[in-house]
């Protein structure tokens, strides 16, 4: 799945959460999506958190 498809899926999920669940559901999906992105990048090896803390 490329970046555009991932962005489309994330946008649709946020849209559905905002429409059906309201503002707080939108924020919850946004925060959990960001956390999932960070965990995914760490597992994939594209983001190294200890290296960022040393600066």
PDB file of N, CA and C in Angstrom:
ATOM      1  N   UNK A   1       0.843  -1.162   0.000  1.00  0.00           N
ATOM      2  CA  UNK A   1       0.000   0.000   0.000  1.00  0.00           C
ATOM      3  C   UNK A   1       0.900   1.241   0.000  1.00  0.00           C
ATOM      4  N   UNK A   2       0.680   2.127  -0.953  1.00  0.00           N
ATOM      5  CA  UNK A   2       1.538   3.304  -1.038  1.00  0.00           C
ATOM      6  C   UNK A   2       1.038   4.422  -0.128  1.00  0.00           C
ATOM      7  N   UNK A   3       1.754   5.528  -0.118  1.00  0.00           N
ATOM      8  CA  UNK A   3       1.457   6.627   0.788  1.00  0.00           C
ATOM      9  C   UNK A   3       0.106   7.266   0.495  1.00  0.00           C
ATOM     10  N   UNK A   4      -0.235   7.430  -0.777  1.00  0.00           N
ATOM     11  CA  UNK A   4      -1.510   8.049  -1.131  1.00  0.00           C
ATOM     12  C   UNK A   4      -2.692   7.192  -0.667  1.00  0.00           C
ATOM     13  N   UNK A   5      -2.593   5.899  -0.820  1.00  0.00           N
ATOM     14  CA  UNK A   5      -3.664   5.002  -0.384  1.00  0.00           C
ATOM     15  C   UNK A   5      -3.801   5.014   1.132  1.00  0.00           C
ATOM     16  N   UNK A   6      -2.683   5.044   1.830  1.00  0.00           N
ATOM     17  CA  UNK A   6      -2.712   5.111   3.284  1.00  0.00           C
ATOM     18  C   UNK A   6      -3.340   6.420   3.749  1.00  0.00           C
ATOM     19  N   UNK A   7      -2.981   7.515   3.111  1.00  0.00           N
ATOM     20  CA  UNK A   7      -3.564   8.812   3.446  1.00  0.00           C
ATOM     21  C   UNK A   7      -5.055   8.853   3.171  1.00  0.00           C
ATOM     22  N   UNK A   8      -5.476   8.243   2.076  1.00  0.00           N
ATOM     23  CA  UNK A   8      -6.892   8.175   1.751  1.00  0.00           C
ATOM     24  C   UNK A   8      -7.657   7.385   2.806  1.00  0.00           C
ATOM     25  N   UNK A   9      -7.114   6.254   3.213  1.00  0.00           N
ATOM     26  CA  UNK A   9      -7.771   5.434   4.236  1.00  0.00           C
ATOM     27  C   UNK A   9      -7.848   6.176   5.566  1.00  0.00           C
ATOM     28  N   UNK A  10      -6.791   6.867   5.938  1.00  0.00           N
ATOM     29  CA  UNK A  10      -6.800   7.624   7.190  1.00  0.00           C
ATOM     30  C   UNK A  10      -7.811   8.763   7.130  1.00  0.00           C
ATOM     31  N   UNK A  11      -7.876   9.455   6.019  1.00  0.00           N
ATOM     32  CA  UNK A  11      -8.841  10.534   5.860  1.00  0.00           C
ATOM     33  C   UNK A  11     -10.275  10.043   5.912  1.00  0.00           C
ATOM     34  N   UNK A  12     -10.531   8.902   5.303  1.00  0.00           N
ATOM     35  CA  UNK A  12     -11.878   8.340   5.338  1.00  0.00           C
ATOM     36  C   UNK A  12     -12.247   7.903   6.752  1.00  0.00           C
ATOM     37  N   UNK A  13     -11.312   7.311   7.475  1.00  0.00           N
ATOM     38  CA  UNK A  13     -11.583   6.903   8.856  1.00  0.00           C
ATOM     39  C   UNK A  13     -11.890   8.118   9.725  1.00  0.00           C
ATOM     40  N   UNK A  14     -11.121   9.191   9.561  1.00  0.00           N
ATOM     41  CA  UNK A  14     -11.381  10.405  10.322  1.00  0.00           C
ATOM     42  C   UNK A  14     -12.715  11.025   9.945  1.00  0.00           C
ATOM     43  N   UNK A  15     -13.048  10.986   8.668  1.00  0.00           N
ATOM     44  CA  UNK A  15     -14.330  11.516   8.213  1.00  0.00           C
ATOM     45  C   UNK A  15     -15.507  10.749   8.791  1.00  0.00           C
ATOM     46  N   UNK A  16     -15.435   9.424   8.762  1.00  0.00           N
ATOM     47  CA  UNK A  16     -16.501   8.611   9.343  1.00  0.00           C
ATOM     48  C   UNK A  16     -16.616   8.848  10.850  1.00  0.00           C
ATOM     49  N   UNK A  17     -15.480   8.945  11.528  1.00  0.00           N
ATOM     50  CA  UNK A  17     -15.516   9.182  12.977  1.00  0.00           C
ATOM     51  C   UNK A  17     -16.130  10.542  13.282  1.00  0.00           C
ATOM     52  N   UNK A  18     -15.787  11.542  12.495  1.00  0.00           N
ATOM     53  CA  UNK A  18     -16.354  12.865  12.719  1.00  0.00           C
ATOM     54  C   UNK A  18     -17.833  12.930  12.414  1.00  0.00           C
ATOM     55  N   UNK A  19     -18.259  12.237  11.385  1.00  0.00           N
ATOM     56  CA  UNK A  19     -19.662  12.279  10.985  1.00  0.00           C
ATOM     57  C   UNK A  19     -20.556  11.500  11.947  1.00  0.00           C
ATOM     58  N   UNK A  20     -20.139  10.290  12.276  1.00  0.00           N
ATOM     59  CA  UNK A  20     -20.981   9.425  13.098  1.00  0.00           C
ATOM     60  C   UNK A  20     -20.750   9.600  14.598  1.00  0.00           C
ATOM     61  N   UNK A  21     -19.557   9.977  15.016  1.00  0.00           N
ATOM     62  CA  UNK A  21     -19.257  10.022  16.441  1.00  0.00           C
ATOM     63  C   UNK A  21     -19.098  11.404  17.013  1.00  0.00           C
ATOM     64  N   UNK A  22     -18.982  12.407  16.171  1.00  0.00           N
ATOM     65  CA  UNK A  22     -18.805  13.764  16.666  1.00  0.00           C
ATOM     66  C   UNK A  22     -17.341  14.125  16.825  1.00  0.00           C
ATOM     67  N   UNK A  23     -17.146  15.271  17.428  1.00  0.00           N
ATOM     68  CA  UNK A  23     -15.804  15.838  17.547  1.00  0.00           C
ATOM     69  C   UNK A  23     -14.876  14.978  18.388  1.00  0.00           C
ATOM     70  N   UNK A  24     -15.359  14.458  19.524  1.00  0.00           N
ATOM     71  CA  UNK A  24     -14.490  13.683  20.414  1.00  0.00           C
ATOM     72  C   UNK A  24     -14.069  12.359  19.784  1.00  0.00           C
ATOM     73  N   UNK A  25     -14.956  11.751  19.020  1.00  0.00           N
ATOM     74  CA  UNK A  25     -14.586  10.524  18.302  1.00  0.00           C
ATOM     75  C   UNK A  25     -13.537  10.833  17.238  1.00  0.00           C
ATOM     76  N   UNK A  26     -13.688  11.985  16.579  1.00  0.00           N
ATOM     77  CA  UNK A  26     -12.704  12.429  15.592  1.00  0.00           C
ATOM     78  C   UNK A  26     -11.331  12.578  16.243  1.00  0.00           C
ATOM     79  N   UNK A  27     -11.283  13.242  17.391  1.00  0.00           N
ATOM     80  CA  UNK A  27     -10.005  13.420  18.079  1.00  0.00           C
ATOM     81  C   UNK A  27      -9.414  12.099  18.550  1.00  0.00           C
ATOM     82  N   UNK A  28     -10.264  11.205  19.040  1.00  0.00           N
ATOM     83  CA  UNK A  28      -9.780   9.897  19.492  1.00  0.00           C
ATOM     84  C   UNK A  28      -9.164   9.118  18.338  1.00  0.00           C
ATOM     85  N   UNK A  29      -9.830   9.108  17.193  1.00  0.00           N
ATOM     86  CA  UNK A  29      -9.296   8.396  16.025  1.00  0.00           C
ATOM     87  C   UNK A  29      -7.999   9.052  15.557  1.00  0.00           C
ATOM     88  N   UNK A  30      -7.944  10.378  15.601  1.00  0.00           N
ATOM     89  CA  UNK A  30      -6.738  11.091  15.185  1.00  0.00           C
ATOM     90  C   UNK A  30      -5.550  10.758  16.087  1.00  0.00           C
ATOM     91  N   UNK A  31      -5.762  10.774  17.388  1.00  0.00           N
ATOM     92  CA  UNK A  31      -4.677  10.495  18.338  1.00  0.00           C
ATOM     93  C   UNK A  31      -4.227   9.039  18.249  1.00  0.00           C
ATOM     94  N   UNK A  32      -5.183   8.124  18.192  1.00  0.00           N
ATOM     95  CA  UNK A  32      -4.807   6.709  18.091  1.00  0.00           C
ATOM     96  C   UNK A  32      -4.145   6.396  16.748  1.00  0.00           C
ATOM     97  N   UNK A  33      -4.565   7.064  15.699  1.00  0.00           N
ATOM     98  CA  UNK A  33      -3.919   6.889  14.399  1.00  0.00           C
ATOM     99  C   UNK A  33      -2.481   7.374  14.415  1.00  0.00           C
ATOM    100  N   UNK A  34      -2.240   8.511  15.059  1.00  0.00           N
ATOM    101  CA  UNK A  34      -0.874   9.027  15.173  1.00  0.00           C
ATOM    102  C   UNK A  34      -0.007   8.092  16.006  1.00  0.00           C
ATOM    103  N   UNK A  35      -0.564   7.566  17.091  1.00  0.00           N
ATOM    104  CA  UNK A  35       0.187   6.615  17.918  1.00  0.00           C
ATOM    105  C   UNK A  35       0.504   5.351  17.129  1.00  0.00           C
ATOM    106  N   UNK A  36      -0.457   4.876  16.359  1.00  0.00           N
ATOM    107  CA  UNK A  36      -0.217   3.699  15.525  1.00  0.00           C
ATOM    108  C   UNK A  36       0.836   3.947  14.465  1.00  0.00           C
ATOM    109  N   UNK A  37       0.835   5.153  13.904  1.00  0.00           N
ATOM    110  CA  UNK A  37       1.853   5.507  12.914  1.00  0.00           C
ATOM    111  C   UNK A  37       3.237   5.486  13.536  1.00  0.00           C
ATOM    112  N   UNK A  38       3.375   6.040  14.726  1.00  0.00           N
ATOM    113  CA  UNK A  38       4.676   6.077  15.388  1.00  0.00           C
ATOM    114  C   UNK A  38       5.149   4.666  15.724  1.00  0.00           C
ATOM    115  N   UNK A  39       4.263   3.845  16.252  1.00  0.00           N
ATOM    116  CA  UNK A  39       4.635   2.460  16.563  1.00  0.00           C
ATOM    117  C   UNK A  39       5.018   1.709  15.296  1.00  0.00           C
ATOM    118  N   UNK A  40       4.267   1.907  14.225  1.00  0.00           N
ATOM    119  CA  UNK A  40       4.580   1.252  12.960  1.00  0.00           C
ATOM    120  C   UNK A  40       5.930   1.665  12.410  1.00  0.00           C
ATOM    121  N   UNK A  41       6.255   2.961  12.514  1.00  0.00           N
ATOM    122  CA  UNK A  41       7.554   3.428  12.037  1.00  0.00           C
ATOM    123  C   UNK A  41       8.695   2.883  12.883  1.00  0.00           C
ATOM    124  N   UNK A  42       8.473   2.757  14.182  1.00  0.00           N
ATOM    125  CA  UNK A  42       9.515   2.195  15.055  1.00  0.00           C
ATOM    126  C   UNK A  42       9.734   0.722  14.729  1.00  0.00           C
ATOM    127  N   UNK A  43       8.650  -0.032  14.562  1.00  0.00           N
ATOM    128  CA  UNK A  43       8.770  -1.463  14.255  1.00  0.00           C
ATOM    129  C   UNK A  43       9.420  -1.674  12.899  1.00  0.00           C
ATOM    130  N   UNK A  44       9.083  -0.817  11.942  1.00  0.00           N
ATOM    131  CA  UNK A  44       9.635  -0.931  10.600  1.00  0.00           C
ATOM    132  C   UNK A  44      11.108  -0.521  10.552  1.00  0.00           C
ATOM    133  N   UNK A  45      11.545   0.279  11.516  1.00  0.00           N
ATOM    134  CA  UNK A  45      12.934   0.702  11.574  1.00  0.00           C
ATOM    135  C   UNK A  45      13.188   2.058  10.959  1.00  0.00           C
ATOM    136  N   UNK A  46      12.144   2.778  10.583  1.00  0.00           N
ATOM    137  CA  UNK A  46      12.309   4.094   9.974  1.00  0.00           C
ATOM    138  C   UNK A  46      12.421   5.206  11.011  1.00  0.00           C
ATOM    139  N   UNK A  47      12.094   4.921  12.243  1.00  0.00           N
ATOM    140  CA  UNK A  47      12.139   5.916  13.315  1.00  0.00           C
ATOM    141  C   UNK A  47      12.827   5.297  14.516  1.00  0.00           C
ATOM    142  N   UNK A  48      13.904   5.919  14.948  1.00  0.00           N
ATOM    143  CA  UNK A  48      14.641   5.421  16.107  1.00  0.00           C
ATOM    144  C   UNK A  48      14.481   6.431  17.229  1.00  0.00           C
ATOM    145  N   UNK A  49      13.681   6.085  18.225  1.00  0.00           N
ATOM    146  CA  UNK A  49      13.402   7.019  19.315  1.00  0.00           C
ATOM    147  C   UNK A  49      14.609   7.319  20.203  1.00  0.00           C
ATOM    148  N   UNK A  50      15.430   6.325  20.583  1.00  0.00           N
ATOM    149  CA  UNK A  50      16.590   6.666  21.411  1.00  0.00           C
ATOM    150  C   UNK A  50      17.546   7.628  20.724  1.00  0.00           C
ATOM    151  N   UNK A  51      17.707   7.545  19.415  1.00  0.00           N
ATOM    152  CA  UNK A  51      18.590   8.440  18.687  1.00  0.00           C
ATOM    153  C   UNK A  51      18.051   9.860  18.713  1.00  0.00           C
ATOM    154  N   UNK A  52      16.759  10.039  18.734  1.00  0.00           N
ATOM    155  CA  UNK A  52      16.153  11.367  18.768  1.00  0.00           C
ATOM    156  C   UNK A  52      16.316  12.022  20.149  1.00  0.00           C
ATOM    157  N   UNK A  53      16.355  11.226  21.212  1.00  0.00           N
ATOM    158  CA  UNK A  53      16.462  11.774  22.561  1.00  0.00           C
ATOM    159  C   UNK A  53      17.850  12.312  22.868  1.00  0.00           C
ATOM    160  N   UNK A  54      18.895  11.832  22.197  1.00  0.00           N
ATOM    161  CA  UNK A  54      20.256  12.221  22.484  1.00  0.00           C
ATOM    162  C   UNK A  54      20.580  13.611  21.969  1.00  0.00           C
ATOM    163  N   UNK A  55      19.788  14.169  21.089  1.00  0.00           N
ATOM    164  CA  UNK A  55      20.100  15.490  20.518  1.00  0.00           C
ATOM    165  C   UNK A  55      19.773  16.603  21.434  1.00  0.00           C
TER     166      UNK A  55
END
